[in-house]
Every structure is written in C-alpha cells, then in structure tokens.
Amino acid sequence: MYPEEFVIPMKEELTDIGFSELLTPEDVEIQLAKKGTTLVMINSVCGCAAGTARPGVILAITHATTRPDHLTTSFAGFDIDAVQALRQHLLPYPPSSPSIALFKDGKLVHFIERHEMEGMPAQAIARNLIHVFEQHCN
C-alpha cells in the first residue's frame, strides 16, 4: 500500500474538480447500480497516470459539452478493496492502472487500459474520451 502522503495530492487532482471517491466495495456496487453514465478513473502513482491519464481525464471533463452523469475515482495500491471490486466489473480485461472506464446503466461500454495511454499525449486521451462521451452520455 502506498503512503497516504504520496497518494492524497494525486487523489485531489480529481476530487478537486468534482470526482467522488469509491473507497470500498460497497461504494463501487452502489455507484454502478445507478442509472446513467459513470466515468471511473483508476488512479495510480505511476508516471503515465501523472503525465497523461489524469491530465487527459481533466481535459476531457473540462472541455466536453457532453459529460458522464457521475465522475468517480479509486486509487490502485491504496483503495485496494474498492479497486478489486471495480476490476470484477472490468472483466475480461486484466488489471490495469491507471485505467479509465465508462459504464452506462452499470454496463461497461468503454475501457482504456494503461498500455493504450503509455506514450500518448493527454490531448489524445481527452479526444478519445470526448468522443466516447458524445456516443454514450446523451
């Protein structure tokens, strides 16, 4: 488990713009039972989370005209039980952090794995997400 003093600033990058945290398996189940669209960012301490994933998500959320109904996040290596519960909803995809998922009425409709973000600029991730929001968040 990562030290809290490392994780908190990385969590705050998302919570400060309106993301709610999924801290327990119960939080995950309650959230994914909701109607509408839920964006889930599985956050991480790695460089691609800091360099592309979080900035890409932030760009998408701040520039999209159509957004998910719910913005959520959980932190791999810190919110361990919640991330494990999330990963059950992401099958058949293998564990990946960071990663970004969009659920509609509790069903996974889009997933971006870490390997799809590595080496990509944040703007490309944002464009991908904005396009997905336009498809699924109406």
N, C-alpha and C. Protein backbone atom coordinates (compact mmCIF):
# COMPACT_ATOMS: atom_id res chain seq x y z
N MET A 1 0.84 -1.17 0.00
CA MET A 1 0.00 0.00 0.00
C MET A 1 0.89 1.24 0.00
N TYR A 2 0.50 2.23 -0.81
CA TYR A 2 1.28 3.46 -0.90
C TYR A 2 1.04 4.34 0.32
N PRO A 3 2.04 5.10 0.72
CA PRO A 3 1.86 6.03 1.85
C PRO A 3 0.83 7.11 1.50
N GLU A 4 0.01 7.44 2.47
CA GLU A 4 -1.06 8.43 2.27
C GLU A 4 -0.52 9.77 1.78
N GLU A 5 0.64 10.19 2.28
CA GLU A 5 1.17 11.48 1.88
C GLU A 5 1.55 11.55 0.40
N PHE A 6 1.83 10.39 -0.22
CA PHE A 6 2.07 10.34 -1.67
C PHE A 6 0.78 10.40 -2.45
N VAL A 7 -0.23 9.71 -1.94
CA VAL A 7 -1.47 9.48 -2.68
C VAL A 7 -2.43 10.68 -2.64
N ILE A 8 -2.53 11.33 -1.51
CA ILE A 8 -3.53 12.39 -1.34
C ILE A 8 -3.45 13.47 -2.42
N PRO A 9 -2.27 14.02 -2.73
CA PRO A 9 -2.25 15.05 -3.78
C PRO A 9 -2.70 14.53 -5.15
N MET A 10 -2.42 13.27 -5.43
CA MET A 10 -2.84 12.69 -6.71
C MET A 10 -4.35 12.46 -6.73
N LYS A 11 -4.92 12.09 -5.60
CA LYS A 11 -6.37 11.95 -5.49
C LYS A 11 -7.03 13.32 -5.68
N GLU A 12 -6.44 14.34 -5.06
CA GLU A 12 -7.03 15.67 -5.08
C GLU A 12 -7.07 16.29 -6.48
N GLU A 13 -6.19 15.85 -7.37
CA GLU A 13 -6.26 16.35 -8.74
C GLU A 13 -7.62 16.07 -9.35
N LEU A 14 -8.24 14.96 -8.95
CA LEU A 14 -9.56 14.61 -9.48
C LEU A 14 -10.69 15.05 -8.56
N THR A 15 -10.53 14.86 -7.26
CA THR A 15 -11.61 15.24 -6.35
C THR A 15 -11.84 16.75 -6.35
N ASP A 16 -10.79 17.52 -6.59
CA ASP A 16 -10.93 18.98 -6.62
C ASP A 16 -11.77 19.46 -7.81
N ILE A 17 -11.94 18.63 -8.84
CA ILE A 17 -12.77 19.03 -9.98
C ILE A 17 -14.11 18.28 -10.00
N GLY A 18 -14.43 17.62 -8.88
CA GLY A 18 -15.77 17.04 -8.76
C GLY A 18 -15.88 15.54 -8.79
N PHE A 19 -14.78 14.82 -8.86
CA PHE A 19 -14.85 13.36 -8.82
C PHE A 19 -15.14 12.91 -7.40
N SER A 20 -16.02 11.92 -7.26
CA SER A 20 -16.24 11.32 -5.95
C SER A 20 -15.38 10.06 -5.86
N GLU A 21 -15.00 9.72 -4.65
CA GLU A 21 -14.12 8.57 -4.46
C GLU A 21 -14.94 7.30 -4.19
N LEU A 22 -14.49 6.23 -4.79
CA LEU A 22 -15.00 4.89 -4.49
C LEU A 22 -13.97 4.26 -3.58
N LEU A 23 -14.27 4.21 -2.28
CA LEU A 23 -13.29 3.79 -1.29
C LEU A 23 -13.49 2.36 -0.80
N THR A 24 -14.67 1.82 -1.02
CA THR A 24 -14.99 0.48 -0.53
C THR A 24 -15.70 -0.31 -1.63
N PRO A 25 -15.74 -1.62 -1.50
CA PRO A 25 -16.52 -2.41 -2.45
C PRO A 25 -18.00 -2.00 -2.46
N GLU A 26 -18.52 -1.61 -1.31
CA GLU A 26 -19.91 -1.17 -1.23
C GLU A 26 -20.12 0.10 -2.05
N ASP A 27 -19.16 1.02 -1.98
CA ASP A 27 -19.24 2.24 -2.80
C ASP A 27 -19.31 1.90 -4.28
N VAL A 28 -18.51 0.94 -4.70
CA VAL A 28 -18.48 0.52 -6.10
C VAL A 28 -19.84 -0.03 -6.51
N GLU A 29 -20.38 -0.94 -5.72
CA GLU A 29 -21.65 -1.57 -6.08
C GLU A 29 -22.79 -0.56 -6.10
N ILE A 30 -22.82 0.34 -5.14
CA ILE A 30 -23.87 1.37 -5.10
C ILE A 30 -23.76 2.26 -6.33
N GLN A 31 -22.54 2.68 -6.66
CA GLN A 31 -22.35 3.57 -7.80
C GLN A 31 -22.75 2.90 -9.11
N LEU A 32 -22.31 1.67 -9.31
CA LEU A 32 -22.58 1.02 -10.59
C LEU A 32 -24.01 0.54 -10.71
N ALA A 33 -24.77 0.56 -9.64
CA ALA A 33 -26.20 0.24 -9.69
C ALA A 33 -27.03 1.44 -10.14
N LYS A 34 -26.42 2.61 -10.18
CA LYS A 34 -27.15 3.82 -10.56
C LYS A 34 -27.42 3.84 -12.06
N LYS A 35 -28.54 4.44 -12.43
CA LYS A 35 -28.86 4.66 -13.84
C LYS A 35 -27.98 5.79 -14.37
N GLY A 36 -27.75 5.76 -15.65
CA GLY A 36 -26.96 6.80 -16.28
C GLY A 36 -25.54 6.36 -16.52
N THR A 37 -24.67 7.32 -16.78
CA THR A 37 -23.28 7.02 -17.12
C THR A 37 -22.36 7.39 -15.96
N THR A 38 -21.38 6.51 -15.75
CA THR A 38 -20.40 6.69 -14.69
C THR A 38 -19.00 6.54 -15.28
N LEU A 39 -18.20 7.58 -15.15
CA LEU A 39 -16.79 7.51 -15.52
C LEU A 39 -16.01 7.10 -14.29
N VAL A 40 -15.15 6.10 -14.44
CA VAL A 40 -14.29 5.65 -13.35
C VAL A 40 -12.84 5.77 -13.79
N MET A 41 -12.09 6.53 -13.03
CA MET A 41 -10.65 6.63 -13.26
C MET A 41 -9.97 5.82 -12.17
N ILE A 42 -9.31 4.73 -12.55
CA ILE A 42 -8.48 4.00 -11.60
C ILE A 42 -7.13 4.70 -11.61
N ASN A 43 -6.90 5.43 -10.55
CA ASN A 43 -5.74 6.29 -10.42
C ASN A 43 -4.51 5.48 -9.99
N SER A 44 -3.34 6.07 -10.16
CA SER A 44 -2.10 5.37 -9.86
C SER A 44 -0.99 6.38 -9.59
N VAL A 45 0.07 5.90 -8.95
CA VAL A 45 1.23 6.76 -8.71
C VAL A 45 2.21 6.78 -9.88
N CYS A 46 2.00 5.97 -10.87
CA CYS A 46 2.97 5.84 -11.96
C CYS A 46 3.05 7.10 -12.81
N GLY A 47 4.11 7.20 -13.56
CA GLY A 47 4.33 8.36 -14.40
C GLY A 47 3.29 8.56 -15.47
N CYS A 48 2.74 7.48 -16.04
CA CYS A 48 1.74 7.69 -17.08
C CYS A 48 0.42 8.19 -16.49
N ALA A 49 0.17 7.92 -15.22
CA ALA A 49 -1.01 8.50 -14.57
C ALA A 49 -0.83 10.00 -14.43
N ALA A 50 0.34 10.41 -13.99
CA ALA A 50 0.61 11.83 -13.78
C ALA A 50 0.78 12.58 -15.09
N GLY A 51 1.41 11.93 -16.07
CA GLY A 51 1.74 12.61 -17.31
C GLY A 51 0.66 12.61 -18.36
N THR A 52 -0.18 11.57 -18.37
CA THR A 52 -1.18 11.50 -19.44
C THR A 52 -2.60 11.18 -18.95
N ALA A 53 -2.74 10.21 -18.06
CA ALA A 53 -4.08 9.75 -17.68
C ALA A 53 -4.88 10.82 -16.94
N ARG A 54 -4.37 11.29 -15.81
CA ARG A 54 -5.12 12.32 -15.07
C ARG A 54 -5.28 13.59 -15.89
N PRO A 55 -4.20 14.10 -16.52
CA PRO A 55 -4.39 15.31 -17.35
C PRO A 55 -5.38 15.09 -18.50
N GLY A 56 -5.37 13.90 -19.10
CA GLY A 56 -6.31 13.62 -20.19
C GLY A 56 -7.75 13.60 -19.71
N VAL A 57 -7.99 12.99 -18.56
CA VAL A 57 -9.33 12.97 -17.99
C VAL A 57 -9.77 14.38 -17.63
N ILE A 58 -8.89 15.15 -17.02
CA ILE A 58 -9.23 16.52 -16.63
C ILE A 58 -9.55 17.36 -17.86
N LEU A 59 -8.75 17.25 -18.91
CA LEU A 59 -9.03 17.98 -20.15
C LEU A 59 -10.39 17.59 -20.72
N ALA A 60 -10.67 16.29 -20.74
CA ALA A 60 -11.94 15.82 -21.29
C ALA A 60 -13.12 16.38 -20.50
N ILE A 61 -13.03 16.31 -19.19
CA ILE A 61 -14.14 16.77 -18.34
C ILE A 61 -14.34 18.28 -18.46
N THR A 62 -13.26 19.02 -18.56
CA THR A 62 -13.39 20.48 -18.60
C THR A 62 -13.74 21.02 -19.98
N HIS A 63 -13.53 20.23 -21.04
CA HIS A 63 -13.80 20.71 -22.39
C HIS A 63 -14.97 20.03 -23.09
N ALA A 64 -15.48 18.96 -22.55
CA ALA A 64 -16.59 18.24 -23.19
C ALA A 64 -17.90 18.99 -23.01
N THR A 65 -18.70 19.03 -24.05
CA THR A 65 -20.04 19.60 -23.92
C THR A 65 -21.02 18.56 -23.38
N THR A 66 -20.71 17.30 -23.61
CA THR A 66 -21.49 16.19 -23.08
C THR A 66 -20.59 15.44 -22.13
N ARG A 67 -21.07 15.26 -20.88
CA ARG A 67 -20.25 14.60 -19.85
C ARG A 67 -21.03 13.47 -19.21
N PRO A 68 -20.29 12.54 -18.58
CA PRO A 68 -20.97 11.49 -17.82
C PRO A 68 -21.78 12.07 -16.66
N ASP A 69 -22.79 11.33 -16.26
CA ASP A 69 -23.63 11.75 -15.13
C ASP A 69 -22.85 11.74 -13.82
N HIS A 70 -21.92 10.78 -13.69
CA HIS A 70 -21.19 10.59 -12.44
C HIS A 70 -19.70 10.48 -12.75
N LEU A 71 -18.89 11.20 -11.99
CA LEU A 71 -17.43 11.16 -12.12
C LEU A 71 -16.88 10.54 -10.85
N THR A 72 -16.16 9.42 -11.00
CA THR A 72 -15.66 8.69 -9.83
C THR A 72 -14.22 8.28 -10.03
N THR A 73 -13.58 7.97 -8.90
CA THR A 73 -12.19 7.54 -8.95
C THR A 73 -11.89 6.61 -7.77
N SER A 74 -10.94 5.75 -7.99
CA SER A 74 -10.43 4.88 -6.94
C SER A 74 -8.94 4.72 -7.20
N PHE A 75 -8.15 4.52 -6.16
CA PHE A 75 -6.71 4.56 -6.28
C PHE A 75 -6.10 3.17 -6.11
N ALA A 76 -5.48 2.66 -7.18
CA ALA A 76 -4.81 1.35 -7.13
C ALA A 76 -3.65 1.42 -6.15
N GLY A 77 -3.52 0.38 -5.35
CA GLY A 77 -2.45 0.33 -4.37
C GLY A 77 -2.75 1.10 -3.09
N PHE A 78 -3.96 1.67 -3.01
CA PHE A 78 -4.35 2.40 -1.82
C PHE A 78 -5.79 2.05 -1.42
N ASP A 79 -6.72 2.23 -2.34
CA ASP A 79 -8.12 1.83 -2.11
C ASP A 79 -8.26 0.38 -2.60
N ILE A 80 -7.53 -0.50 -1.98
CA ILE A 80 -7.30 -1.85 -2.51
C ILE A 80 -8.60 -2.62 -2.71
N ASP A 81 -9.45 -2.68 -1.70
CA ASP A 81 -10.68 -3.47 -1.82
C ASP A 81 -11.63 -2.89 -2.86
N ALA A 82 -11.71 -1.57 -2.93
CA ALA A 82 -12.57 -0.93 -3.93
C ALA A 82 -12.08 -1.22 -5.34
N VAL A 83 -10.78 -1.12 -5.55
CA VAL A 83 -10.22 -1.39 -6.89
C VAL A 83 -10.44 -2.86 -7.26
N GLN A 84 -10.29 -3.75 -6.31
CA GLN A 84 -10.55 -5.16 -6.59
C GLN A 84 -12.01 -5.36 -7.01
N ALA A 85 -12.93 -4.70 -6.34
CA ALA A 85 -14.35 -4.80 -6.71
C ALA A 85 -14.59 -4.21 -8.10
N LEU A 86 -13.97 -3.08 -8.39
CA LEU A 86 -14.09 -2.48 -9.73
C LEU A 86 -13.60 -3.43 -10.80
N ARG A 87 -12.48 -4.06 -10.53
CA ARG A 87 -11.88 -4.95 -11.54
C ARG A 87 -12.78 -6.13 -11.88
N GLN A 88 -13.65 -6.52 -10.97
CA GLN A 88 -14.62 -7.59 -11.28
C GLN A 88 -15.60 -7.11 -12.35
N HIS A 89 -15.88 -5.82 -12.36
CA HIS A 89 -16.79 -5.25 -13.36
C HIS A 89 -16.09 -4.96 -14.68
N LEU A 90 -14.77 -5.06 -14.69
CA LEU A 90 -13.98 -4.78 -15.89
C LEU A 90 -13.57 -6.04 -16.65
N LEU A 91 -13.93 -7.18 -16.13
CA LEU A 91 -13.60 -8.43 -16.82
C LEU A 91 -14.25 -8.45 -18.19
N PRO A 92 -13.58 -8.97 -19.20
CA PRO A 92 -12.40 -9.83 -19.20
C PRO A 92 -11.07 -9.08 -19.26
N TYR A 93 -11.08 -7.76 -19.10
CA TYR A 93 -9.82 -7.03 -19.13
C TYR A 93 -8.97 -7.38 -17.92
N PRO A 94 -7.66 -7.52 -18.11
CA PRO A 94 -6.78 -7.78 -16.96
C PRO A 94 -6.62 -6.51 -16.13
N PRO A 95 -6.16 -6.63 -14.88
CA PRO A 95 -5.91 -5.45 -14.06
C PRO A 95 -4.98 -4.47 -14.77
N SER A 96 -5.33 -3.20 -14.71
CA SER A 96 -4.57 -2.18 -15.39
C SER A 96 -4.72 -0.87 -14.60
N SER A 97 -3.59 -0.30 -14.24
CA SER A 97 -3.65 1.00 -13.59
C SER A 97 -2.48 1.85 -14.05
N PRO A 98 -2.77 3.06 -14.44
CA PRO A 98 -4.08 3.66 -14.44
C PRO A 98 -4.95 3.07 -15.56
N SER A 99 -6.23 3.29 -15.42
CA SER A 99 -7.17 2.94 -16.48
C SER A 99 -8.40 3.81 -16.33
N ILE A 100 -9.19 3.86 -17.40
CA ILE A 100 -10.37 4.71 -17.43
C ILE A 100 -11.51 3.88 -18.01
N ALA A 101 -12.63 3.86 -17.28
CA ALA A 101 -13.78 3.08 -17.73
C ALA A 101 -15.02 3.96 -17.76
N LEU A 102 -15.88 3.70 -18.74
CA LEU A 102 -17.18 4.34 -18.77
C LEU A 102 -18.23 3.24 -18.70
N PHE A 103 -19.12 3.39 -17.74
CA PHE A 103 -20.24 2.48 -17.55
C PHE A 103 -21.52 3.21 -17.90
N LYS A 104 -22.45 2.50 -18.51
CA LYS A 104 -23.79 3.04 -18.77
C LYS A 104 -24.79 2.08 -18.16
N ASP A 105 -25.58 2.57 -17.22
CA ASP A 105 -26.54 1.73 -16.50
C ASP A 105 -25.86 0.48 -15.95
N GLY A 106 -24.64 0.65 -15.43
CA GLY A 106 -23.90 -0.44 -14.79
C GLY A 106 -23.16 -1.36 -15.72
N LYS A 107 -23.26 -1.15 -17.02
CA LYS A 107 -22.58 -2.00 -18.01
C LYS A 107 -21.38 -1.24 -18.58
N LEU A 108 -20.25 -1.93 -18.67
CA LEU A 108 -19.04 -1.35 -19.24
C LEU A 108 -19.25 -1.10 -20.73
N VAL A 109 -19.06 0.17 -21.16
CA VAL A 109 -19.21 0.49 -22.58
C VAL A 109 -17.90 0.95 -23.22
N HIS A 110 -16.91 1.33 -22.40
CA HIS A 110 -15.63 1.75 -22.95
C HIS A 110 -14.56 1.58 -21.86
N PHE A 111 -13.38 1.13 -22.29
CA PHE A 111 -12.30 0.93 -21.34
C PHE A 111 -10.98 1.28 -22.00
N ILE A 112 -10.18 2.07 -21.30
CA ILE A 112 -8.84 2.43 -21.77
C ILE A 112 -7.85 1.85 -20.78
N GLU A 113 -7.05 0.92 -21.27
CA GLU A 113 -6.03 0.28 -20.44
C GLU A 113 -4.75 1.11 -20.43
N ARG A 114 -3.92 0.83 -19.45
CA ARG A 114 -2.65 1.55 -19.31
C ARG A 114 -1.84 1.52 -20.60
N HIS A 115 -1.73 0.36 -21.22
CA HIS A 115 -0.87 0.25 -22.41
C HIS A 115 -1.39 1.11 -23.56
N GLU A 116 -2.67 1.47 -23.53
CA GLU A 116 -3.23 2.34 -24.57
C GLU A 116 -2.93 3.81 -24.30
N MET A 117 -2.51 4.12 -23.08
CA MET A 117 -2.18 5.50 -22.71
C MET A 117 -0.69 5.78 -22.74
N GLU A 118 0.12 4.76 -22.55
CA GLU A 118 1.57 4.95 -22.48
C GLU A 118 2.07 5.57 -23.78
N GLY A 119 2.79 6.66 -23.63
CA GLY A 119 3.35 7.34 -24.79
C GLY A 119 2.37 8.24 -25.53
N MET A 120 1.11 8.27 -25.10
CA MET A 120 0.11 9.13 -25.74
C MET A 120 0.05 10.47 -25.02
N PRO A 121 -0.12 11.55 -25.76
CA PRO A 121 -0.30 12.83 -25.08
C PRO A 121 -1.67 12.91 -24.41
N ALA A 122 -1.76 13.72 -23.38
CA ALA A 122 -3.02 13.89 -22.66
C ALA A 122 -4.14 14.34 -23.60
N GLN A 123 -3.81 15.14 -24.59
CA GLN A 123 -4.81 15.64 -25.53
C GLN A 123 -5.45 14.50 -26.32
N ALA A 124 -4.67 13.48 -26.66
CA ALA A 124 -5.22 12.33 -27.40
C ALA A 124 -6.19 11.54 -26.52
N ILE A 125 -5.85 11.38 -25.27
CA ILE A 125 -6.75 10.69 -24.34
C ILE A 125 -8.03 11.51 -24.18
N ALA A 126 -7.90 12.81 -24.04
CA ALA A 126 -9.07 13.68 -23.91
C ALA A 126 -9.96 13.58 -25.15
N ARG A 127 -9.38 13.61 -26.34
CA ARG A 127 -10.18 13.49 -27.57
C ARG A 127 -10.93 12.16 -27.60
N ASN A 128 -10.24 11.09 -27.23
CA ASN A 128 -10.88 9.77 -27.17
C ASN A 128 -12.08 9.82 -26.23
N LEU A 129 -11.88 10.35 -25.03
CA LEU A 129 -12.95 10.38 -24.04
C LEU A 129 -14.11 11.27 -24.48
N ILE A 130 -13.81 12.43 -25.05
CA ILE A 130 -14.87 13.32 -25.51
C ILE A 130 -15.72 12.62 -26.57
N HIS A 131 -15.09 11.91 -27.48
CA HIS A 131 -15.82 11.15 -28.50
C HIS A 131 -16.71 10.09 -27.84
N VAL A 132 -16.18 9.39 -26.86
CA VAL A 132 -16.95 8.36 -26.15
C VAL A 132 -18.12 8.99 -25.38
N PHE A 133 -17.88 10.14 -24.76
CA PHE A 133 -18.97 10.83 -24.06
C PHE A 133 -20.09 11.19 -25.02
N GLU A 134 -19.72 11.67 -26.21
CA GLU A 134 -20.73 12.03 -27.22
C GLU A 134 -21.55 10.83 -27.65
N GLN A 135 -20.93 9.67 -27.70
CA GLN A 135 -21.63 8.43 -28.09
C GLN A 135 -22.56 7.92 -27.00
N HIS A 136 -22.13 7.97 -25.74
CA HIS A 136 -22.83 7.26 -24.69
C HIS A 136 -23.52 8.11 -23.62
N CYS A 137 -23.22 9.39 -23.57
CA CYS A 137 -23.71 10.22 -22.46
C CYS A 137 -24.82 11.18 -22.88
N ASN A 138 -25.70 10.74 -23.71
CA ASN A 138 -26.82 11.60 -24.16
C ASN A 138 -28.05 11.33 -23.36
